[in-house]
C-alpha cells in the first residue's frame, strides 16, 4: 500500500510558498507521492469548484521536482483533450527526466462544458479525443521518431527526445467511472484512478466491471489507485450519498478494495 496526498494548486491559499511548504512536508512525513489538479481556462463552471488563482500542473510539478528528492508527483488528472498529445508527452517526459523518474501522469476526459467552449474543443467528442491522445502519448514515450495518422491528429517524423527515465514509461493513471473510462484504463493505463465513489459501488460494479473488460480485452487488470476525499463528521450521513472517506469512522473494509494495491 502506497499513500499520497492531493496538494491544492488553486484557490486563495495557493501560492509558491504554500505549494513549496506542502510538498516538503509531505516528503518529510513519508508520503509516497503528491498529486495536483488541472484546468486551463477558469470559466464560471470551473471557478465554482476550482477557484483562481490556478497554478498549471506541469509548470508547477517541474518546479517542485527541483526542490524535492524522493516524493513522486503527478496529475489528478490532466485533462487530455485540452493539449495536443505531442505537447503532453514532451512535458511529461521532461518532468520525468528532471525529477529522476518520479512522475505519474493521471489523465481524464474533463467535465467543464464552458471550459471546453472557451478552448474551442468539442465537448461531445472528448472521450474519442482522449483515447487517441493517450495512445499517441504512449507511442511518443516508446519511440525516438514518431508518425501518426488518426482521426484527430496527424503528423510525421517527429523526434520525441528526451525519453522518460521510467521504463517502459511513467505510470498512467486513468480517471473516470463510466464504461468508457474503465475500458480506457484497461487499454492504456497502468492504474484505474476513480474519485467520488461509494464503497458498495466499487465492490459490486466498479471492480467487477474492470475485471470483465480486462478479460474481454485479453489484458491485465490495472491497479486500483483511488483518490479519496477524507471528510470526518459526527453527523449521520445517508448511506446512499456517502462517498468513500466520508463519515465518522470505518464501519467495514471492502474485500474487493483491500485486495487491490494502491500504486
C-alpha atoms as a PDB file:
ATOM      1  CA  UNK A   1       0.000   0.000   0.000  1.00  0.00           C
ATOM      2  CA  UNK A   2       1.351   3.404  -1.030  1.00  0.00           C
ATOM      3  CA  UNK A   3      -0.317   6.566   0.223  1.00  0.00           C
ATOM      4  CA  UNK A   4      -0.088  10.042  -1.251  1.00  0.00           C
ATOM      5  CA  UNK A   5      -1.787  13.393  -0.859  1.00  0.00           C
ATOM      6  CA  UNK A   6      -3.579  15.825  -3.144  1.00  0.00           C
ATOM      7  CA  UNK A   7      -1.996  19.283  -2.877  1.00  0.00           C
ATOM      8  CA  UNK A   8      -4.211  22.248  -3.739  1.00  0.00           C
ATOM      9  CA  UNK A   9      -2.701  24.215  -6.618  1.00  0.00           C
ATOM     10  CA  UNK A  10      -5.699  26.538  -6.820  1.00  0.00           C
ATOM     11  CA  UNK A  11      -7.734  28.911  -4.697  1.00  0.00           C
ATOM     12  CA  UNK A  12      -6.930  31.825  -2.350  1.00  0.00           C
ATOM     13  CA  UNK A  13      -4.408  29.807  -0.327  1.00  0.00           C
ATOM     14  CA  UNK A  14      -2.350  28.669  -3.297  1.00  0.00           C
ATOM     15  CA  UNK A  15       0.937  30.474  -3.860  1.00  0.00           C
ATOM     16  CA  UNK A  16       4.581  29.462  -4.313  1.00  0.00           C
ATOM     17  CA  UNK A  17       5.254  29.485  -0.565  1.00  0.00           C
ATOM     18  CA  UNK A  18       2.322  27.230   0.322  1.00  0.00           C
ATOM     19  CA  UNK A  19       2.956  24.862  -2.578  1.00  0.00           C
ATOM     20  CA  UNK A  20       6.574  24.501  -1.509  1.00  0.00           C
ATOM     21  CA  UNK A  21       5.607  24.040   2.135  1.00  0.00           C
ATOM     22  CA  UNK A  22       3.000  21.391   1.388  1.00  0.00           C
ATOM     23  CA  UNK A  23       5.211  19.281  -0.856  1.00  0.00           C
ATOM     24  CA  UNK A  24       8.186  19.444   1.508  1.00  0.00           C
ATOM     25  CA  UNK A  25       6.009  18.491   4.456  1.00  0.00           C
ATOM     26  CA  UNK A  26       4.540  15.578   2.509  1.00  0.00           C
ATOM     27  CA  UNK A  27       8.039  14.357   1.660  1.00  0.00           C
ATOM     28  CA  UNK A  28       9.249  14.734   5.249  1.00  0.00           C
ATOM     29  CA  UNK A  29       6.239  12.830   6.589  1.00  0.00           C
ATOM     30  CA  UNK A  30       6.957   9.925   4.256  1.00  0.00           C
ATOM     31  CA  UNK A  31       4.083  10.193   1.807  1.00  0.00           C
ATOM     32  CA  UNK A  32       4.979   8.373  -1.401  1.00  0.00           C
ATOM     33  CA  UNK A  33       3.505  10.846  -3.877  1.00  0.00           C
ATOM     34  CA  UNK A  34       1.791  14.216  -4.230  1.00  0.00           C
ATOM     35  CA  UNK A  35      -0.798  14.975  -6.905  1.00  0.00           C
ATOM     36  CA  UNK A  36      -2.248  18.239  -8.216  1.00  0.00           C
ATOM     37  CA  UNK A  37      -5.218  19.190 -10.378  1.00  0.00           C
ATOM     38  CA  UNK A  38      -5.553  20.509 -13.924  1.00  0.00           C
ATOM     39  CA  UNK A  39      -7.595  23.226 -15.608  1.00  0.00           C
ATOM     40  CA  UNK A  40      -6.614  25.639 -18.353  1.00  0.00           C
ATOM     41  CA  UNK A  41      -9.417  28.199 -18.581  1.00  0.00           C
ATOM     42  CA  UNK A  42     -11.060  29.141 -15.294  1.00  0.00           C
ATOM     43  CA  UNK A  43     -14.575  29.618 -16.660  1.00  0.00           C
ATOM     44  CA  UNK A  44     -17.541  30.085 -14.285  1.00  0.00           C
ATOM     45  CA  UNK A  45     -18.227  26.344 -14.029  1.00  0.00           C
ATOM     46  CA  UNK A  46     -14.585  25.713 -13.097  1.00  0.00           C
ATOM     47  CA  UNK A  47     -14.379  28.726 -10.765  1.00  0.00           C
ATOM     48  CA  UNK A  48     -17.231  27.364  -8.657  1.00  0.00           C
ATOM     49  CA  UNK A  49     -15.161  24.305  -7.702  1.00  0.00           C
ATOM     50  CA  UNK A  50     -11.548  25.189  -8.553  1.00  0.00           C
ATOM     51  CA  UNK A  51     -11.234  28.946  -7.975  1.00  0.00           C
ATOM     52  CA  UNK A  52      -8.415  31.119  -9.270  1.00  0.00           C
ATOM     53  CA  UNK A  53      -5.540  31.552  -8.916  1.00  0.00           C
ATOM     54  CA  UNK A  54      -4.834  28.239 -10.625  1.00  0.00           C
ATOM     55  CA  UNK A  55      -1.223  27.069 -10.996  1.00  0.00           C
ATOM     56  CA  UNK A  56      -0.577  24.972 -14.106  1.00  0.00           C
ATOM     57  CA  UNK A  57       0.184  21.375 -13.065  1.00  0.00           C
ATOM     58  CA  UNK A  58       3.043  20.745 -15.478  1.00  0.00           C
ATOM     59  CA  UNK A  59       4.839  24.008 -14.751  1.00  0.00           C
ATOM     60  CA  UNK A  60       4.297  23.566 -11.010  1.00  0.00           C
ATOM     61  CA  UNK A  61       5.470  19.953 -10.927  1.00  0.00           C
ATOM     62  CA  UNK A  62       8.579  20.779 -12.954  1.00  0.00           C
ATOM     63  CA  UNK A  63       9.436  23.420 -10.352  1.00  0.00           C
ATOM     64  CA  UNK A  64       8.656  21.118  -7.407  1.00  0.00           C
ATOM     65  CA  UNK A  65      10.825  18.387  -8.921  1.00  0.00           C
ATOM     66  CA  UNK A  66      13.852  20.594  -8.328  1.00  0.00           C
ATOM     67  CA  UNK A  67      13.130  21.189  -4.643  1.00  0.00           C
ATOM     68  CA  UNK A  68      12.314  17.571  -3.672  1.00  0.00           C
ATOM     69  CA  UNK A  69      14.318  14.356  -3.680  1.00  0.00           C
ATOM     70  CA  UNK A  70      12.172  11.277  -3.116  1.00  0.00           C
ATOM     71  CA  UNK A  71       8.466  12.020  -3.326  1.00  0.00           C
ATOM     72  CA  UNK A  72       6.742  11.085  -6.581  1.00  0.00           C
ATOM     73  CA  UNK A  73       4.456  13.658  -8.179  1.00  0.00           C
ATOM     74  CA  UNK A  74       1.696  13.695 -10.714  1.00  0.00           C
ATOM     75  CA  UNK A  75      -1.581  14.989 -12.091  1.00  0.00           C
ATOM     76  CA  UNK A  76      -5.035  14.147 -10.796  1.00  0.00           C
ATOM     77  CA  UNK A  77      -5.978  14.468 -13.507  1.00  0.00           C
ATOM     78  CA  UNK A  78      -4.513  16.092 -16.632  1.00  0.00           C
ATOM     79  CA  UNK A  79      -7.433  16.702 -18.992  1.00  0.00           C
ATOM     80  CA  UNK A  80      -6.304  15.014 -22.181  1.00  0.00           C
ATOM     81  CA  UNK A  81      -8.355  16.935 -24.786  1.00  0.00           C
ATOM     82  CA  UNK A  82      -7.001  20.327 -23.648  1.00  0.00           C
ATOM     83  CA  UNK A  83      -3.490  19.852 -25.057  1.00  0.00           C
ATOM     84  CA  UNK A  84      -2.036  18.367 -28.208  1.00  0.00           C
ATOM     85  CA  UNK A  85      -0.680  14.916 -27.274  1.00  0.00           C
ATOM     86  CA  UNK A  86       2.794  15.791 -28.575  1.00  0.00           C
ATOM     87  CA  UNK A  87       2.915  18.610 -26.028  1.00  0.00           C
ATOM     88  CA  UNK A  88       1.606  16.485 -23.160  1.00  0.00           C
ATOM     89  CA  UNK A  89       4.028  13.664 -23.982  1.00  0.00           C
ATOM     90  CA  UNK A  90       7.004  16.040 -24.088  1.00  0.00           C
ATOM     91  CA  UNK A  91       6.111  17.884 -20.876  1.00  0.00           C
ATOM     92  CA  UNK A  92       5.558  14.633 -19.011  1.00  0.00           C
ATOM     93  CA  UNK A  93       8.809  13.123 -20.305  1.00  0.00           C
ATOM     94  CA  UNK A  94      10.700  16.285 -19.382  1.00  0.00           C
ATOM     95  CA  UNK A  95       9.341  16.250 -15.825  1.00  0.00           C
ATOM     96  CA  UNK A  96      10.193  12.564 -15.507  1.00  0.00           C
ATOM     97  CA  UNK A  97      13.747  13.395 -16.581  1.00  0.00           C
ATOM     98  CA  UNK A  98      14.050  16.444 -14.315  1.00  0.00           C
ATOM     99  CA  UNK A  99      12.705  14.526 -11.317  1.00  0.00           C
ATOM    100  CA  UNK A 100      14.867  11.446 -11.868  1.00  0.00           C
ATOM    101  CA  UNK A 101      11.898   9.235 -12.732  1.00  0.00           C
ATOM    102  CA  UNK A 102       9.314  10.421 -10.202  1.00  0.00           C
ATOM    103  CA  UNK A 103       6.421  11.475 -12.458  1.00  0.00           C
ATOM    104  CA  UNK A 104       2.888   9.996 -12.613  1.00  0.00           C
ATOM    105  CA  UNK A 105       0.545  11.011 -15.430  1.00  0.00           C
ATOM    106  CA  UNK A 106      -3.034  10.887 -14.202  1.00  0.00           C
ATOM    107  CA  UNK A 107      -5.423  11.536 -17.091  1.00  0.00           C
ATOM    108  CA  UNK A 108      -9.112  12.170 -17.653  1.00  0.00           C
ATOM    109  CA  UNK A 109     -11.578  13.478 -20.223  1.00  0.00           C
ATOM    110  CA  UNK A 110     -12.888  16.553 -18.359  1.00  0.00           C
ATOM    111  CA  UNK A 111     -16.357  17.754 -17.386  1.00  0.00           C
ATOM    112  CA  UNK A 112     -16.498  21.592 -17.644  1.00  0.00           C
ATOM    113  CA  UNK A 113     -18.552  22.452 -20.743  1.00  0.00           C
ATOM    114  CA  UNK A 114     -17.781  26.180 -20.554  1.00  0.00           C
ATOM    115  CA  UNK A 115     -14.053  25.478 -20.369  1.00  0.00           C
ATOM    116  CA  UNK A 116     -14.237  23.253 -23.458  1.00  0.00           C
ATOM    117  CA  UNK A 117     -16.121  26.006 -25.277  1.00  0.00           C
ATOM    118  CA  UNK A 118     -13.554  28.631 -24.283  1.00  0.00           C
ATOM    119  CA  UNK A 119     -10.776  26.426 -25.659  1.00  0.00           C
ATOM    120  CA  UNK A 120     -12.679  25.603 -28.855  1.00  0.00           C
ATOM    121  CA  UNK A 121     -12.671  21.855 -28.177  1.00  0.00           C
ATOM    122  CA  UNK A 122     -15.769  19.724 -28.927  1.00  0.00           C
ATOM    123  CA  UNK A 123     -17.169  18.597 -25.580  1.00  0.00           C
ATOM    124  CA  UNK A 124     -19.195  15.737 -27.068  1.00  0.00           C
ATOM    125  CA  UNK A 125     -16.053  14.225 -28.621  1.00  0.00           C
ATOM    126  CA  UNK A 126     -13.874  14.405 -25.526  1.00  0.00           C
ATOM    127  CA  UNK A 127     -13.827  10.639 -24.988  1.00  0.00           C
ATOM    128  CA  UNK A 128     -12.694   9.884 -28.535  1.00  0.00           C
ATOM    129  CA  UNK A 129     -10.101  12.660 -28.305  1.00  0.00           C
ATOM    130  CA  UNK A 130      -8.782  11.276 -25.026  1.00  0.00           C
ATOM    131  CA  UNK A 131      -8.434   7.760 -26.401  1.00  0.00           C
ATOM    132  CA  UNK A 132      -6.407   8.842 -29.401  1.00  0.00           C
ATOM    133  CA  UNK A 133      -4.327  11.326 -27.407  1.00  0.00           C
ATOM    134  CA  UNK A 134      -3.268   8.839 -24.737  1.00  0.00           C
ATOM    135  CA  UNK A 135      -2.352   6.315 -27.446  1.00  0.00           C
ATOM    136  CA  UNK A 136      -0.147   8.953 -29.101  1.00  0.00           C
ATOM    137  CA  UNK A 137       1.460   9.822 -25.755  1.00  0.00           C
ATOM    138  CA  UNK A 138       2.403   6.200 -25.137  1.00  0.00           C
ATOM    139  CA  UNK A 139       3.825   5.976 -28.657  1.00  0.00           C
ATOM    140  CA  UNK A 140       5.932   9.104 -28.111  1.00  0.00           C
ATOM    141  CA  UNK A 141       7.397   7.628 -24.943  1.00  0.00           C
ATOM    142  CA  UNK A 142       8.299   4.370 -26.694  1.00  0.00           C
ATOM    143  CA  UNK A 143       9.901   5.596 -29.916  1.00  0.00           C
ATOM    144  CA  UNK A 144      12.567   8.155 -30.806  1.00  0.00           C
ATOM    145  CA  UNK A 145      10.808   9.229 -34.014  1.00  0.00           C
ATOM    146  CA  UNK A 146       7.030   9.019 -34.256  1.00  0.00           C
ATOM    147  CA  UNK A 147       4.462   9.313 -37.036  1.00  0.00           C
ATOM    148  CA  UNK A 148       0.714   9.145 -36.555  1.00  0.00           C
ATOM    149  CA  UNK A 149      -2.302   9.363 -38.827  1.00  0.00           C
ATOM    150  CA  UNK A 150      -5.517   9.426 -36.810  1.00  0.00           C
ATOM    151  CA  UNK A 151      -8.959  10.956 -36.664  1.00  0.00           C
ATOM    152  CA  UNK A 152      -7.892  13.928 -34.562  1.00  0.00           C
ATOM    153  CA  UNK A 153      -4.140  14.351 -35.041  1.00  0.00           C
ATOM    154  CA  UNK A 154      -1.745  13.512 -37.847  1.00  0.00           C
ATOM    155  CA  UNK A 155       1.984  14.153 -38.098  1.00  0.00           C
ATOM    156  CA  UNK A 156       5.135  12.563 -39.464  1.00  0.00           C
ATOM    157  CA  UNK A 157       8.702  12.033 -38.307  1.00  0.00           C
ATOM    158  CA  UNK A 158       8.526  13.902 -35.009  1.00  0.00           C
ATOM    159  CA  UNK A 159      11.585  13.439 -32.792  1.00  0.00           C
ATOM    160  CA  UNK A 160      10.458  12.838 -29.239  1.00  0.00           C
ATOM    161  CA  UNK A 161      13.550  13.016 -27.000  1.00  0.00           C
ATOM    162  CA  UNK A 162      14.265  13.116 -24.197  1.00  0.00           C
ATOM    163  CA  UNK A 163      12.590   9.825 -23.394  1.00  0.00           C
ATOM    164  CA  UNK A 164      11.241   9.322 -19.855  1.00  0.00           C
ATOM    165  CA  UNK A 165      13.534   7.838 -17.225  1.00  0.00           C
ATOM    166  CA  UNK A 166      10.996   5.261 -16.060  1.00  0.00           C
ATOM    167  CA  UNK A 167      10.731   2.068 -18.070  1.00  0.00           C
ATOM    168  CA  UNK A 168       8.722   1.255 -20.044  1.00  0.00           C
ATOM    169  CA  UNK A 169       7.098   4.632 -19.297  1.00  0.00           C
ATOM    170  CA  UNK A 170       5.846   6.799 -16.428  1.00  0.00           C
ATOM    171  CA  UNK A 171       2.737   5.316 -14.810  1.00  0.00           C
ATOM    172  CA  UNK A 172      -0.545   6.346 -16.433  1.00  0.00           C
ATOM    173  CA  UNK A 173      -3.500   6.556 -14.050  1.00  0.00           C
ATOM    174  CA  UNK A 174      -6.823   6.756 -15.899  1.00  0.00           C
ATOM    175  CA  UNK A 175      -9.675   8.534 -14.145  1.00  0.00           C
ATOM    176  CA  UNK A 176     -13.412   8.165 -14.579  1.00  0.00           C
ATOM    177  CA  UNK A 177     -16.087   5.650 -13.627  1.00  0.00           C
ATOM    178  CA  UNK A 178     -18.069   5.161 -16.846  1.00  0.00           C
ATOM    179  CA  UNK A 179     -17.855   2.043 -19.004  1.00  0.00           C
ATOM    180  CA  UNK A 180     -15.738   4.013 -21.493  1.00  0.00           C
ATOM    181  CA  UNK A 181     -13.395   5.165 -18.715  1.00  0.00           C
ATOM    182  CA  UNK A 182     -12.913   1.616 -17.443  1.00  0.00           C
ATOM    183  CA  UNK A 183     -12.142   0.435 -20.971  1.00  0.00           C
ATOM    184  CA  UNK A 184      -9.681   3.320 -21.383  1.00  0.00           C
ATOM    185  CA  UNK A 185      -7.972   2.304 -18.135  1.00  0.00           C
ATOM    186  CA  UNK A 186      -7.614  -1.298 -19.325  1.00  0.00           C
ATOM    187  CA  UNK A 187      -6.345  -0.383 -22.794  1.00  0.00           C
ATOM    188  CA  UNK A 188      -3.997   2.460 -21.952  1.00  0.00           C
ATOM    189  CA  UNK A 189      -3.497   2.672 -18.208  1.00  0.00           C
ATOM    190  CA  UNK A 190      -1.294   1.151 -15.560  1.00  0.00           C
ATOM    191  CA  UNK A 191      -3.875   2.045 -12.924  1.00  0.00           C
ATOM    192  CA  UNK A 192      -7.514   2.990 -12.572  1.00  0.00           C
ATOM    193  CA  UNK A 193      -7.904   6.281 -10.698  1.00  0.00           C
ATOM    194  CA  UNK A 194     -11.546   6.774  -9.639  1.00  0.00           C
ATOM    195  CA  UNK A 195     -12.714   9.659  -7.459  1.00  0.00           C
ATOM    196  CA  UNK A 196     -16.005  10.303  -5.597  1.00  0.00           C
ATOM    197  CA  UNK A 197     -17.223   6.726  -5.445  1.00  0.00           C
ATOM    198  CA  UNK A 198     -19.174   4.702  -2.904  1.00  0.00           C
ATOM    199  CA  UNK A 199     -17.579   1.576  -1.485  1.00  0.00           C
ATOM    200  CA  UNK A 200     -20.618  -0.554  -2.296  1.00  0.00           C
ATOM    201  CA  UNK A 201     -20.451   0.635  -5.922  1.00  0.00           C
ATOM    202  CA  UNK A 202     -16.719  -0.105  -6.090  1.00  0.00           C
ATOM    203  CA  UNK A 203     -17.249  -3.630  -4.806  1.00  0.00           C
ATOM    204  CA  UNK A 204     -20.377  -4.522  -6.751  1.00  0.00           C
ATOM    205  CA  UNK A 205     -19.879  -2.588 -10.002  1.00  0.00           C
ATOM    206  CA  UNK A 206     -16.540  -0.810 -10.420  1.00  0.00           C
ATOM    207  CA  UNK A 207     -14.026  -3.584  -9.788  1.00  0.00           C
ATOM    208  CA  UNK A 208     -16.120  -6.357 -11.399  1.00  0.00           C
ATOM    209  CA  UNK A 209     -16.583  -4.124 -14.446  1.00  0.00           C
ATOM    210  CA  UNK A 210     -12.847  -3.530 -14.662  1.00  0.00           C
ATOM    211  CA  UNK A 211     -12.229  -7.297 -14.422  1.00  0.00           C
ATOM    212  CA  UNK A 212     -14.843  -8.042 -17.079  1.00  0.00           C
ATOM    213  CA  UNK A 213     -13.397  -5.516 -19.536  1.00  0.00           C
ATOM    214  CA  UNK A 214      -9.844  -6.732 -18.931  1.00  0.00           C
ATOM    215  CA  UNK A 215     -10.914 -10.297 -19.693  1.00  0.00           C
ATOM    216  CA  UNK A 216     -12.704  -9.209 -22.876  1.00  0.00           C
ATOM    217  CA  UNK A 217      -9.611  -7.265 -23.984  1.00  0.00           C
ATOM    218  CA  UNK A 218      -7.210 -10.048 -23.037  1.00  0.00           C
ATOM    219  CA  UNK A 219      -5.339  -7.584 -20.846  1.00  0.00           C
ATOM    220  CA  UNK A 220      -4.177  -7.373 -17.250  1.00  0.00           C
ATOM    221  CA  UNK A 221      -6.421  -5.676 -14.704  1.00  0.00           C
ATOM    222  CA  UNK A 222      -4.973  -2.241 -13.903  1.00  0.00           C
ATOM    223  CA  UNK A 223      -4.015  -1.480 -10.321  1.00  0.00           C
ATOM    224  CA  UNK A 224      -6.508   0.448  -8.211  1.00  0.00           C
ATOM    225  CA  UNK A 225      -5.230   3.915  -7.296  1.00  0.00           C
ATOM    226  CA  UNK A 226      -8.249   5.835  -5.999  1.00  0.00           C
ATOM    227  CA  UNK A 227      -8.433   9.431  -4.851  1.00  0.00           C
ATOM    228  CA  UNK A 228     -10.374   9.567  -1.594  1.00  0.00           C
ATOM    229  CA  UNK A 229     -11.610  12.864  -0.195  1.00  0.00           C
ATOM    230  CA  UNK A 230     -11.491  12.463   3.591  1.00  0.00           C
ATOM    231  CA  UNK A 231     -14.382  14.105   5.399  1.00  0.00           C
ATOM    232  CA  UNK A 232     -14.925  13.199   9.042  1.00  0.00           C
ATOM    233  CA  UNK A 233     -18.150  14.229  10.724  1.00  0.00           C
ATOM    234  CA  UNK A 234     -20.115  13.343  13.862  1.00  0.00           C
ATOM    235  CA  UNK A 235     -23.369  13.906  11.978  1.00  0.00           C
ATOM    236  CA  UNK A 236     -25.211  10.942  10.431  1.00  0.00           C
ATOM    237  CA  UNK A 237     -24.881  10.588   6.668  1.00  0.00           C
ATOM    238  CA  UNK A 238     -27.312   8.875   4.337  1.00  0.00           C
ATOM    239  CA  UNK A 239     -25.581   5.707   3.171  1.00  0.00           C
ATOM    240  CA  UNK A 240     -26.631   6.164  -0.463  1.00  0.00           C
ATOM    241  CA  UNK A 241     -24.942   9.581  -0.519  1.00  0.00           C
ATOM    242  CA  UNK A 242     -21.805   8.712   1.479  1.00  0.00           C
ATOM    243  CA  UNK A 243     -18.694   8.519  -0.661  1.00  0.00           C
ATOM    244  CA  UNK A 244     -15.563   6.631   0.334  1.00  0.00           C
ATOM    245  CA  UNK A 245     -13.671   8.564   3.002  1.00  0.00           C
ATOM    246  CA  UNK A 246     -16.745  10.307   4.375  1.00  0.00           C
ATOM    247  CA  UNK A 247     -18.318   9.577   7.750  1.00  0.00           C
ATOM    248  CA  UNK A 248     -17.471   9.198  11.415  1.00  0.00           C
ATOM    249  CA  UNK A 249     -15.176   6.202  11.004  1.00  0.00           C
ATOM    250  CA  UNK A 250     -14.519   2.980   9.138  1.00  0.00           C
ATOM    251  CA  UNK A 251     -17.505   0.698   9.543  1.00  0.00           C
ATOM    252  CA  UNK A 252     -16.137  -2.133   7.446  1.00  0.00           C
ATOM    253  CA  UNK A 253     -13.475  -2.865   4.865  1.00  0.00           C
ATOM    254  CA  UNK A 254     -14.473  -3.911   1.387  1.00  0.00           C
ATOM    255  CA  UNK A 255     -12.696  -7.118   0.443  1.00  0.00           C
ATOM    256  CA  UNK A 256     -12.502  -6.032  -3.178  1.00  0.00           C
ATOM    257  CA  UNK A 257     -10.806  -2.777  -2.216  1.00  0.00           C
ATOM    258  CA  UNK A 258      -8.388  -4.424   0.201  1.00  0.00           C
ATOM    259  CA  UNK A 259      -7.174  -6.954  -2.356  1.00  0.00           C
ATOM    260  CA  UNK A 260      -6.143  -4.330  -4.872  1.00  0.00           C
ATOM    261  CA  UNK A 261      -2.958  -2.385  -4.051  1.00  0.00           C
ATOM    262  CA  UNK A 262      -2.611   1.356  -4.278  1.00  0.00           C
ATOM    263  CA  UNK A 263       0.087   2.409  -6.725  1.00  0.00           C
END
